[in-house]
């Protein structure tokens, strides 16, 4: 007995020392602090682009006298870039390096932003759409590159903490984008305060020119800033890929699509992103039916982002105690209830219900992401690219919602369906999306997808 006790003590001491050492592993090592800060800044950069663009659907509709479907093409162009470029981005960084992937992404981001200058000169809507499409080629490269790059910048034991720290800066960019949209764009648009049908052709043309310049300037300024950031990254000493996987692309893809959990995750992510973009894009149209102008509606958009952030922190804590699939299902069911309130409550409480949906959406993207990538091993990077491609749901769903809004005419309450305006009924699309997410969450628990 004494010998047994004597032998066990050293093992216990070693285990305790290992725990102490593990606690001392830094989230970000000193040697990569500067690269970490630079790459983390990218999260804010694409958050800015996302949230300055959402109000542009309503802005372009008024300036260029578009119907709702035509205006929704802003989101089709913006999020369509993700679907087009995410997989090529993954292949590019596999062949070259993270740094080159970031530089190419920043270059495309800057080009797309600067194209707003000639677009405003020619006053062609499809020129603006092309600029947005190219801009998001860059965002697809940045998102596909930055996430695994941050994970690789240090000890694997602190990788998740490192990524969560970097992602915390995304909402800062998003709030900045909304602030710029409200202060320098929506508040300065003349078309928001006039009835074009009462104006002469000359007066209408003058307002159109002035308002397109208002939209142009923030994007051109953003493009110039991105070029400066490009130069900083190019001159910085950045860590390279620690290892490269030579697995053939198509061999990896075939393996991925044989995994039910992964395929279900891509489908769920597509519908989730579609729901998110619809709720954050059409909050302006919903508010307008209540007599709230776009500049004031931004406060409700900011509130949505605020409860989204609160929900993310709270639900991240809850994940310590609740299975991720179960929590995803609970959030999806809560989103369904809030969406029903958005549809059938016509008034300010319907708008509050729409804001509350953001709390329910808070943890959906990373939770679906984590469940889908679980156990993929060497195929994880390509799997990650497909989940970034799933952001294309944000391109498709808002356009379909625009079609619903055009049923009775270009307005948002031309007809009533089930006693509520068509803008309310259009939120049946996010409702369907949340049902898909709830099913994925339930199946991930019950059937161990």
Protein backbone atom coordinates (compact mmCIF):
# COMPACT_ATOMS: atom_id res chain seq x y z
CA UNK A 1 0.00 0.00 0.00
CA UNK A 2 2.81 2.39 0.90
CA UNK A 3 4.57 1.72 -2.40
CA UNK A 4 1.36 2.41 -4.29
CA UNK A 5 0.85 5.76 -2.56
CA UNK A 6 4.50 6.70 -3.12
CA UNK A 7 4.19 5.97 -6.84
CA UNK A 8 0.97 7.95 -7.26
CA UNK A 9 2.26 11.20 -5.75
CA UNK A 10 4.71 12.09 -8.55
CA UNK A 11 1.97 11.53 -11.13
CA UNK A 12 -0.35 13.89 -9.30
CA UNK A 13 2.38 16.55 -9.02
CA UNK A 14 3.20 16.30 -12.74
CA UNK A 15 -0.45 16.67 -13.66
CA UNK A 16 -0.81 19.80 -11.53
CA UNK A 17 2.33 21.32 -13.07
CA UNK A 18 1.03 20.63 -16.54
CA UNK A 19 -2.23 22.38 -15.69
CA UNK A 20 -0.35 25.42 -14.37
CA UNK A 21 1.79 25.55 -17.52
CA UNK A 22 -1.29 25.22 -19.74
CA UNK A 23 -2.90 28.17 -17.99
CA UNK A 24 0.17 30.25 -18.80
CA UNK A 25 -0.10 29.64 -22.55
CA UNK A 26 -0.79 33.11 -23.99
CA UNK A 27 -3.77 33.65 -26.26
CA UNK A 28 -1.50 35.72 -28.51
CA UNK A 29 2.27 35.22 -28.28
CA UNK A 30 4.42 38.36 -28.20
CA UNK A 31 6.12 37.51 -31.49
CA UNK A 32 2.82 37.61 -33.41
CA UNK A 33 1.09 40.52 -31.64
CA UNK A 34 1.50 42.90 -34.59
CA UNK A 35 0.33 40.38 -37.25
CA UNK A 36 -2.57 39.44 -34.96
CA UNK A 37 -3.67 43.08 -34.64
CA UNK A 38 -3.44 43.61 -38.40
CA UNK A 39 -5.46 40.51 -39.27
CA UNK A 40 -7.98 41.22 -36.51
CA UNK A 41 -8.56 44.63 -38.10
CA UNK A 42 -9.90 42.80 -41.16
CA UNK A 43 -12.88 41.58 -39.12
CA UNK A 44 -13.89 45.20 -38.53
CA UNK A 45 -13.27 46.07 -42.19
CA UNK A 46 -15.73 43.55 -43.59
CA UNK A 47 -18.22 44.32 -40.79
CA UNK A 48 -18.14 47.96 -41.93
CA UNK A 49 -18.85 47.01 -45.55
CA UNK A 50 -21.73 44.72 -44.60
CA UNK A 51 -23.60 47.24 -42.50
CA UNK A 52 -23.07 50.35 -44.58
CA UNK A 53 -24.58 48.41 -47.52
CA UNK A 54 -27.81 47.15 -45.88
CA UNK A 55 -29.52 50.60 -45.90
CA UNK A 56 -28.51 51.08 -49.55
CA UNK A 57 -31.40 48.85 -50.69
CA UNK A 58 -33.90 51.44 -49.54
CA UNK A 59 -31.70 54.37 -50.65
CA UNK A 60 -31.24 53.15 -54.24
CA UNK A 61 -34.96 52.34 -54.49
CA UNK A 62 -35.87 55.97 -53.84
CA UNK A 63 -33.06 57.66 -55.77
CA UNK A 64 -33.40 55.56 -58.94
CA UNK A 65 -37.18 54.90 -58.62
CA UNK A 66 -36.79 51.12 -58.57
CA UNK A 67 -39.26 48.45 -57.61
CA UNK A 68 -38.50 46.26 -54.58
CA UNK A 69 -37.02 43.38 -56.58
CA UNK A 70 -34.67 45.70 -58.46
CA UNK A 71 -33.57 47.35 -55.20
CA UNK A 72 -32.92 43.92 -53.63
CA UNK A 73 -30.30 43.27 -56.32
CA UNK A 74 -27.95 45.27 -54.08
CA UNK A 75 -27.88 42.28 -51.73
CA UNK A 76 -27.77 39.80 -54.61
CA UNK A 77 -24.62 41.50 -55.93
CA UNK A 78 -23.09 41.99 -52.48
CA UNK A 79 -23.55 38.49 -51.07
CA UNK A 80 -23.27 36.82 -54.46
CA UNK A 81 -19.57 37.64 -54.39
CA UNK A 82 -19.13 35.29 -51.43
CA UNK A 83 -20.71 32.39 -53.30
CA UNK A 84 -18.51 33.05 -56.32
CA UNK A 85 -15.14 33.51 -54.67
CA UNK A 86 -14.96 31.56 -51.36
CA UNK A 87 -13.76 28.25 -52.84
CA UNK A 88 -11.23 29.88 -55.22
CA UNK A 89 -9.94 31.78 -52.17
CA UNK A 90 -9.41 28.53 -50.24
CA UNK A 91 -7.56 27.01 -53.21
CA UNK A 92 -5.44 30.16 -53.58
CA UNK A 93 -4.26 30.23 -49.96
CA UNK A 94 -3.54 26.50 -50.10
CA UNK A 95 -1.25 27.05 -53.08
CA UNK A 96 0.37 30.29 -51.95
CA UNK A 97 0.06 31.76 -48.45
CA UNK A 98 -2.25 33.47 -45.99
CA UNK A 99 -0.53 36.80 -46.54
CA UNK A 100 -1.00 36.69 -50.32
CA UNK A 101 -4.64 35.74 -49.78
CA UNK A 102 -5.13 38.78 -47.54
CA UNK A 103 -3.41 41.10 -50.03
CA UNK A 104 -5.50 39.85 -52.95
CA UNK A 105 -8.64 40.26 -50.84
CA UNK A 106 -7.73 43.83 -49.89
CA UNK A 107 -6.91 44.65 -53.50
CA UNK A 108 -10.32 43.46 -54.74
CA UNK A 109 -12.02 45.23 -51.82
CA UNK A 110 -10.34 48.53 -52.76
CA UNK A 111 -11.10 48.17 -56.49
CA UNK A 112 -14.78 47.50 -55.83
CA UNK A 113 -15.05 50.49 -53.48
CA UNK A 114 -13.27 52.87 -55.89
CA UNK A 115 -15.54 51.79 -58.76
CA UNK A 116 -18.30 53.74 -57.03
CA UNK A 117 -16.67 56.88 -58.46
CA UNK A 118 -17.27 56.07 -62.17
CA UNK A 119 -20.60 54.46 -61.25
CA UNK A 120 -21.79 57.79 -59.85
CA UNK A 121 -20.49 59.61 -62.95
CA UNK A 122 -22.41 57.34 -65.34
CA UNK A 123 -25.39 57.06 -62.96
CA UNK A 124 -25.94 53.44 -63.97
CA UNK A 125 -27.46 51.16 -61.33
CA UNK A 126 -25.82 48.04 -62.77
CA UNK A 127 -22.43 49.77 -62.55
CA UNK A 128 -23.00 50.13 -58.79
CA UNK A 129 -24.02 46.46 -58.59
CA UNK A 130 -20.84 45.43 -60.42
CA UNK A 131 -18.77 47.49 -57.99
CA UNK A 132 -20.43 45.76 -55.02
CA UNK A 133 -19.92 42.35 -56.62
CA UNK A 134 -16.17 42.95 -57.06
CA UNK A 135 -15.93 44.44 -53.56
CA UNK A 136 -17.28 41.21 -52.07
CA UNK A 137 -14.81 39.12 -54.07
CA UNK A 138 -12.35 40.79 -51.73
CA UNK A 139 -14.48 40.13 -48.64
CA UNK A 140 -14.76 36.44 -49.56
CA UNK A 141 -10.96 36.22 -49.73
CA UNK A 142 -10.60 38.03 -46.42
CA UNK A 143 -13.16 35.88 -44.56
CA UNK A 144 -11.85 32.62 -46.00
CA UNK A 145 -8.28 33.59 -45.10
CA UNK A 146 -8.57 35.47 -41.80
CA UNK A 147 -10.38 32.80 -39.75
CA UNK A 148 -7.87 29.95 -40.26
CA UNK A 149 -4.98 32.47 -40.17
CA UNK A 150 -6.00 33.63 -36.67
CA UNK A 151 -6.36 30.00 -35.55
CA UNK A 152 -2.84 29.25 -36.80
CA UNK A 153 -1.25 32.22 -34.99
CA UNK A 154 -0.24 30.40 -31.83
CA UNK A 155 -0.83 27.44 -29.60
CA UNK A 156 -3.74 25.18 -30.67
CA UNK A 157 -4.95 25.11 -27.06
CA UNK A 158 -5.86 28.80 -27.23
CA UNK A 159 -7.01 28.85 -30.86
CA UNK A 160 -10.73 29.17 -30.07
CA UNK A 161 -10.11 32.00 -27.59
CA UNK A 162 -7.93 33.74 -30.16
CA UNK A 163 -10.64 33.53 -32.84
CA UNK A 164 -13.36 34.74 -30.46
CA UNK A 165 -11.15 37.72 -29.54
CA UNK A 166 -10.68 38.59 -33.21
CA UNK A 167 -14.39 38.18 -34.00
CA UNK A 168 -15.28 40.60 -31.21
CA UNK A 169 -14.02 43.42 -33.47
CA UNK A 170 -16.46 42.61 -36.28
CA UNK A 171 -19.41 44.36 -34.57
CA UNK A 172 -17.26 47.46 -34.04
CA UNK A 173 -16.92 47.72 -37.81
CA UNK A 174 -20.63 46.96 -38.24
CA UNK A 175 -21.68 49.73 -35.86
CA UNK A 176 -19.27 52.11 -37.62
CA UNK A 177 -20.87 51.24 -40.95
CA UNK A 178 -24.34 51.98 -39.60
CA UNK A 179 -23.12 55.27 -38.10
CA UNK A 180 -21.63 56.39 -41.43
CA UNK A 181 -24.79 55.30 -43.28
CA UNK A 182 -26.98 57.32 -40.93
CA UNK A 183 -24.80 60.41 -40.54
CA UNK A 184 -23.25 60.86 -43.98
CA UNK A 185 -25.66 59.07 -46.32
CA UNK A 186 -29.29 58.69 -45.20
CA UNK A 187 -29.36 62.03 -43.43
CA UNK A 188 -28.07 63.82 -46.53
CA UNK A 189 -30.30 62.24 -49.19
CA UNK A 190 -32.74 64.72 -50.73
CA UNK A 191 -34.84 61.96 -52.31
CA UNK A 192 -35.94 60.82 -48.87
CA UNK A 193 -37.90 64.05 -48.38
CA UNK A 194 -39.47 64.72 -51.78
CA UNK A 195 -42.16 63.25 -54.00
CA UNK A 196 -40.56 62.71 -57.41
CA UNK A 197 -43.94 62.70 -59.13
CA UNK A 198 -44.32 66.42 -58.36
CA UNK A 199 -40.93 67.45 -59.79
CA UNK A 200 -39.81 68.51 -63.24
CA UNK A 201 -37.34 66.27 -65.11
CA UNK A 202 -34.56 68.81 -64.50
CA UNK A 203 -35.20 68.97 -60.75
CA UNK A 204 -35.45 65.19 -60.51
CA UNK A 205 -32.13 64.77 -62.39
CA UNK A 206 -30.40 67.28 -60.10
CA UNK A 207 -31.54 65.44 -56.96
CA UNK A 208 -30.56 62.08 -58.45
CA UNK A 209 -27.04 63.36 -59.26
CA UNK A 210 -26.56 64.91 -55.82
CA UNK A 211 -27.79 61.80 -53.98
CA UNK A 212 -25.60 59.39 -55.97
CA UNK A 213 -22.60 61.53 -55.03
CA UNK A 214 -23.63 61.22 -51.38
CA UNK A 215 -23.62 57.43 -51.72
CA UNK A 216 -20.36 57.46 -53.67
CA UNK A 217 -18.17 59.37 -51.22
CA UNK A 218 -18.07 56.93 -48.25
CA UNK A 219 -17.21 54.02 -50.54
CA UNK A 220 -14.44 55.94 -52.30
CA UNK A 221 -13.02 57.02 -48.92
CA UNK A 222 -13.22 53.38 -47.79
CA UNK A 223 -11.35 52.27 -50.92
CA UNK A 224 -8.54 54.73 -50.20
CA UNK A 225 -8.29 53.53 -46.60
CA UNK A 226 -8.16 49.89 -47.74
CA UNK A 227 -5.29 50.74 -50.12
CA UNK A 228 -3.34 52.22 -47.20
CA UNK A 229 -4.05 49.08 -45.19
CA UNK A 230 -2.89 47.00 -48.17
CA UNK A 231 0.47 48.81 -48.08
CA UNK A 232 0.83 48.22 -44.33
CA UNK A 233 0.15 44.48 -44.68
CA UNK A 234 2.50 44.23 -47.66
CA UNK A 235 5.36 45.75 -45.65
CA UNK A 236 4.64 43.84 -42.44
CA UNK A 237 6.48 40.67 -41.48
CA UNK A 238 3.64 38.14 -41.39
CA UNK A 239 3.89 34.46 -40.36
CA UNK A 240 3.38 32.04 -43.24
CA UNK A 241 1.43 28.79 -43.43
CA UNK A 242 3.02 26.38 -40.98
CA UNK A 243 2.19 23.44 -43.25
CA UNK A 244 0.44 22.81 -46.52
CA UNK A 245 -1.87 19.92 -47.24
CA UNK A 246 -1.31 18.43 -50.67
CA UNK A 247 -4.66 16.62 -50.73
CA UNK A 248 -6.32 17.07 -54.13
CA UNK A 249 -9.17 19.58 -54.01
CA UNK A 250 -11.79 17.35 -55.59
CA UNK A 251 -10.83 14.34 -53.47
CA UNK A 252 -11.40 16.48 -50.38
CA UNK A 253 -14.71 17.85 -51.70
CA UNK A 254 -16.03 14.36 -52.47
CA UNK A 255 -15.26 13.28 -48.92
CA UNK A 256 -16.99 16.36 -47.53
CA UNK A 257 -20.25 15.78 -49.36
CA UNK A 258 -20.49 12.23 -48.09
CA UNK A 259 -20.79 13.61 -44.54
CA UNK A 260 -24.40 14.26 -43.57
CA UNK A 261 -23.47 16.60 -40.72
CA UNK A 262 -21.43 18.83 -43.04
CA UNK A 263 -24.02 18.94 -45.85
CA UNK A 264 -26.78 19.71 -43.35
CA UNK A 265 -24.63 22.48 -41.91
CA UNK A 266 -24.09 24.11 -45.30
CA UNK A 267 -27.84 24.03 -46.00
CA UNK A 268 -28.67 25.41 -42.54
CA UNK A 269 -26.03 28.13 -42.89
CA UNK A 270 -27.43 29.18 -46.28
CA UNK A 271 -30.90 29.62 -44.82
CA UNK A 272 -29.62 31.27 -41.64
CA UNK A 273 -27.60 33.92 -43.49
CA UNK A 274 -30.61 34.55 -45.75
CA UNK A 275 -32.78 35.14 -42.68
CA UNK A 276 -30.22 37.44 -41.09
CA UNK A 277 -29.82 39.63 -44.16
CA UNK A 278 -33.59 39.84 -44.71
CA UNK A 279 -34.21 40.90 -41.10
CA UNK A 280 -31.44 43.50 -41.20
CA UNK A 281 -32.22 44.79 -44.71
CA UNK A 282 -36.01 45.09 -44.60
CA UNK A 283 -36.18 46.60 -41.13
CA UNK A 284 -36.12 49.97 -42.94
CA UNK A 285 -39.11 49.10 -45.12
CA UNK A 286 -40.98 47.67 -42.13
CA UNK A 287 -40.33 50.86 -40.15
CA UNK A 288 -41.44 53.04 -43.06
CA UNK A 289 -44.95 51.55 -42.94
CA UNK A 290 -45.10 52.83 -39.34
CA UNK A 291 -44.16 56.37 -40.41
CA UNK A 292 -40.48 56.06 -39.44
CA UNK A 293 -37.99 57.46 -41.98
CA UNK A 294 -34.75 55.73 -42.92
CA UNK A 295 -32.50 57.95 -40.83
CA UNK A 296 -34.51 57.20 -37.69
CA UNK A 297 -34.86 53.52 -38.62
CA UNK A 298 -31.08 53.19 -38.31
CA UNK A 299 -31.55 53.40 -34.53
CA UNK A 300 -33.66 50.25 -34.70
CA UNK A 301 -30.98 48.62 -36.85
CA UNK A 302 -28.38 49.59 -34.24
CA UNK A 303 -30.61 48.18 -31.52
CA UNK A 304 -30.78 44.93 -33.48
CA UNK A 305 -27.00 44.80 -33.58
CA UNK A 306 -26.85 45.65 -29.87
CA UNK A 307 -29.12 42.77 -28.79
CA UNK A 308 -27.23 40.57 -31.24
CA UNK A 309 -24.00 41.29 -29.35
CA UNK A 310 -25.63 40.74 -25.96
CA UNK A 311 -27.03 37.45 -27.20
CA UNK A 312 -23.65 36.34 -28.52
CA UNK A 313 -21.90 36.89 -25.20
CA UNK A 314 -24.72 35.36 -23.16
CA UNK A 315 -25.12 32.31 -25.39
CA UNK A 316 -21.35 31.76 -25.52
CA UNK A 317 -21.47 31.46 -21.74
CA UNK A 318 -24.50 29.12 -21.91
CA UNK A 319 -22.59 26.78 -24.23
CA UNK A 320 -20.60 25.71 -21.17
CA UNK A 321 -23.75 24.06 -19.84
CA UNK A 322 -25.95 23.35 -22.88
CA UNK A 323 -25.24 21.14 -25.89
CA UNK A 324 -24.59 23.33 -28.96
CA UNK A 325 -27.25 21.59 -31.07
CA UNK A 326 -29.83 21.94 -28.29
CA UNK A 327 -29.05 25.65 -27.81
CA UNK A 328 -29.26 26.16 -31.58
CA UNK A 329 -32.72 24.54 -31.60
CA UNK A 330 -33.89 26.72 -28.67
CA UNK A 331 -32.68 29.89 -30.41
CA UNK A 332 -34.33 28.86 -33.67
CA UNK A 333 -37.67 28.22 -31.93
CA UNK A 334 -37.42 31.61 -30.21
CA UNK A 335 -36.70 33.21 -33.60
CA UNK A 336 -39.79 31.52 -35.06
CA UNK A 337 -41.95 33.00 -32.28
CA UNK A 338 -40.47 36.49 -32.77
CA UNK A 339 -40.92 36.24 -36.54
CA UNK A 340 -44.59 35.33 -36.08
CA UNK A 341 -44.90 38.49 -33.97
CA UNK A 342 -43.22 40.47 -36.76
CA UNK A 343 -45.74 39.12 -39.27
CA UNK A 344 -49.00 39.35 -37.36
CA UNK A 345 -48.48 42.36 -35.06
CA UNK A 346 -48.87 45.49 -37.18
CA UNK A 347 -47.45 48.36 -35.16
CA UNK A 348 -44.49 49.28 -33.02
CA UNK A 349 -44.59 45.93 -31.18
CA UNK A 350 -44.20 44.20 -34.52
CA UNK A 351 -41.04 46.27 -35.04
CA UNK A 352 -39.84 45.34 -31.55
CA UNK A 353 -40.39 41.69 -32.45
CA UNK A 354 -38.24 42.20 -35.54
CA UNK A 355 -35.46 43.70 -33.40
CA UNK A 356 -35.75 40.79 -30.93
CA UNK A 357 -35.07 38.27 -33.71
CA UNK A 358 -31.45 39.48 -33.69
CA UNK A 359 -30.99 38.18 -30.15
CA UNK A 360 -32.11 34.75 -31.34
CA UNK A 361 -29.75 34.89 -34.33
CA UNK A 362 -26.73 35.85 -32.22
CA UNK A 363 -25.04 32.47 -31.94
CA UNK A 364 -26.46 30.73 -35.01
CA UNK A 365 -23.62 31.34 -37.48
CA UNK A 366 -20.71 30.14 -35.27
CA UNK A 367 -22.78 27.29 -33.80
CA UNK A 368 -23.78 25.92 -37.21
CA UNK A 369 -20.17 26.48 -38.32
CA UNK A 370 -18.78 24.48 -35.41
CA UNK A 371 -21.25 21.58 -35.72
CA UNK A 372 -20.71 21.29 -39.48
CA UNK A 373 -16.89 21.25 -39.24
CA UNK A 374 -16.68 18.80 -36.35
CA UNK A 375 -14.47 15.82 -37.18
CA UNK A 376 -13.49 16.90 -40.72
CA UNK A 377 -9.76 16.68 -40.06
CA UNK A 378 -7.66 17.58 -43.10
CA UNK A 379 -10.79 18.60 -45.02
CA UNK A 380 -11.62 21.38 -42.55
CA UNK A 381 -10.25 24.27 -44.66
CA UNK A 382 -12.28 23.34 -47.73
CA UNK A 383 -15.28 22.72 -45.49
CA UNK A 384 -14.79 26.21 -44.09
CA UNK A 385 -14.77 27.62 -47.64
CA UNK A 386 -18.15 26.00 -48.39
CA UNK A 387 -19.60 27.48 -45.21
CA UNK A 388 -18.38 30.91 -46.35
CA UNK A 389 -19.97 30.20 -49.74
CA UNK A 390 -23.23 29.56 -47.87
CA UNK A 391 -23.33 33.32 -47.26
CA UNK A 392 -24.84 33.38 -50.77
CA UNK A 393 -28.13 32.83 -48.93
CA UNK A 394 -27.90 36.54 -48.18
CA UNK A 395 -28.00 37.17 -51.93
CA UNK A 396 -30.91 34.92 -52.85
CA UNK A 397 -33.41 35.35 -50.01
CA UNK A 398 -33.67 39.19 -49.97
CA UNK A 399 -34.42 39.13 -53.71
CA UNK A 400 -37.26 36.66 -53.12
CA UNK A 401 -38.57 38.91 -50.36
CA UNK A 402 -38.43 41.81 -52.81
CA UNK A 403 -40.64 39.80 -55.18
CA UNK A 404 -43.23 39.37 -52.41
CA UNK A 405 -43.14 43.10 -51.70
CA UNK A 406 -43.88 43.83 -55.36
CA UNK A 407 -47.06 41.73 -55.39
CA UNK A 408 -49.39 44.69 -54.95
CA UNK A 409 -47.11 47.41 -56.32
CA UNK A 410 -43.85 49.21 -55.48
CA UNK A 411 -45.06 50.26 -52.01
CA UNK A 412 -44.83 48.21 -48.82
CA UNK A 413 -48.53 48.10 -47.92
CA UNK A 414 -50.28 48.19 -51.30
CA UNK A 415 -52.37 45.18 -50.31
CA UNK A 416 -53.23 43.34 -47.12
CA UNK A 417 -52.88 39.61 -46.67
CA UNK A 418 -54.41 37.95 -43.60
CA UNK A 419 -55.17 41.44 -42.33
CA UNK A 420 -51.60 42.76 -42.38
CA UNK A 421 -49.55 44.67 -45.01
CA UNK A 422 -47.47 42.77 -47.57
CA UNK A 423 -44.22 43.88 -45.88
CA UNK A 424 -45.31 41.91 -42.79
CA UNK A 425 -46.22 38.82 -44.83
CA UNK A 426 -42.86 38.96 -46.62
CA UNK A 427 -41.25 37.86 -43.34
CA UNK A 428 -42.67 34.40 -43.93
CA UNK A 429 -39.35 33.77 -45.72
CA UNK A 430 -37.22 34.28 -42.58
CA UNK A 431 -39.79 32.12 -40.78
CA UNK A 432 -39.12 29.24 -43.17
CA UNK A 433 -35.36 29.78 -42.77
CA UNK A 434 -35.55 29.47 -38.99
CA UNK A 435 -37.57 26.26 -39.33
CA UNK A 436 -34.70 24.80 -41.39
CA UNK A 437 -32.17 25.87 -38.74
CA UNK A 438 -34.33 24.34 -35.96
CA UNK A 439 -34.49 21.03 -37.84
CA UNK A 440 -30.69 20.98 -38.27
CA UNK A 441 -30.18 21.70 -34.56
CA UNK A 442 -32.64 18.96 -33.55
CA UNK A 443 -31.13 16.41 -35.91
CA UNK A 444 -27.62 17.18 -34.68
CA UNK A 445 -28.75 16.10 -31.20
CA UNK A 446 -31.13 13.25 -31.94
CA UNK A 447 -29.29 11.57 -34.77
CA UNK A 448 -25.75 12.70 -33.90
CA UNK A 449 -25.23 14.17 -37.39
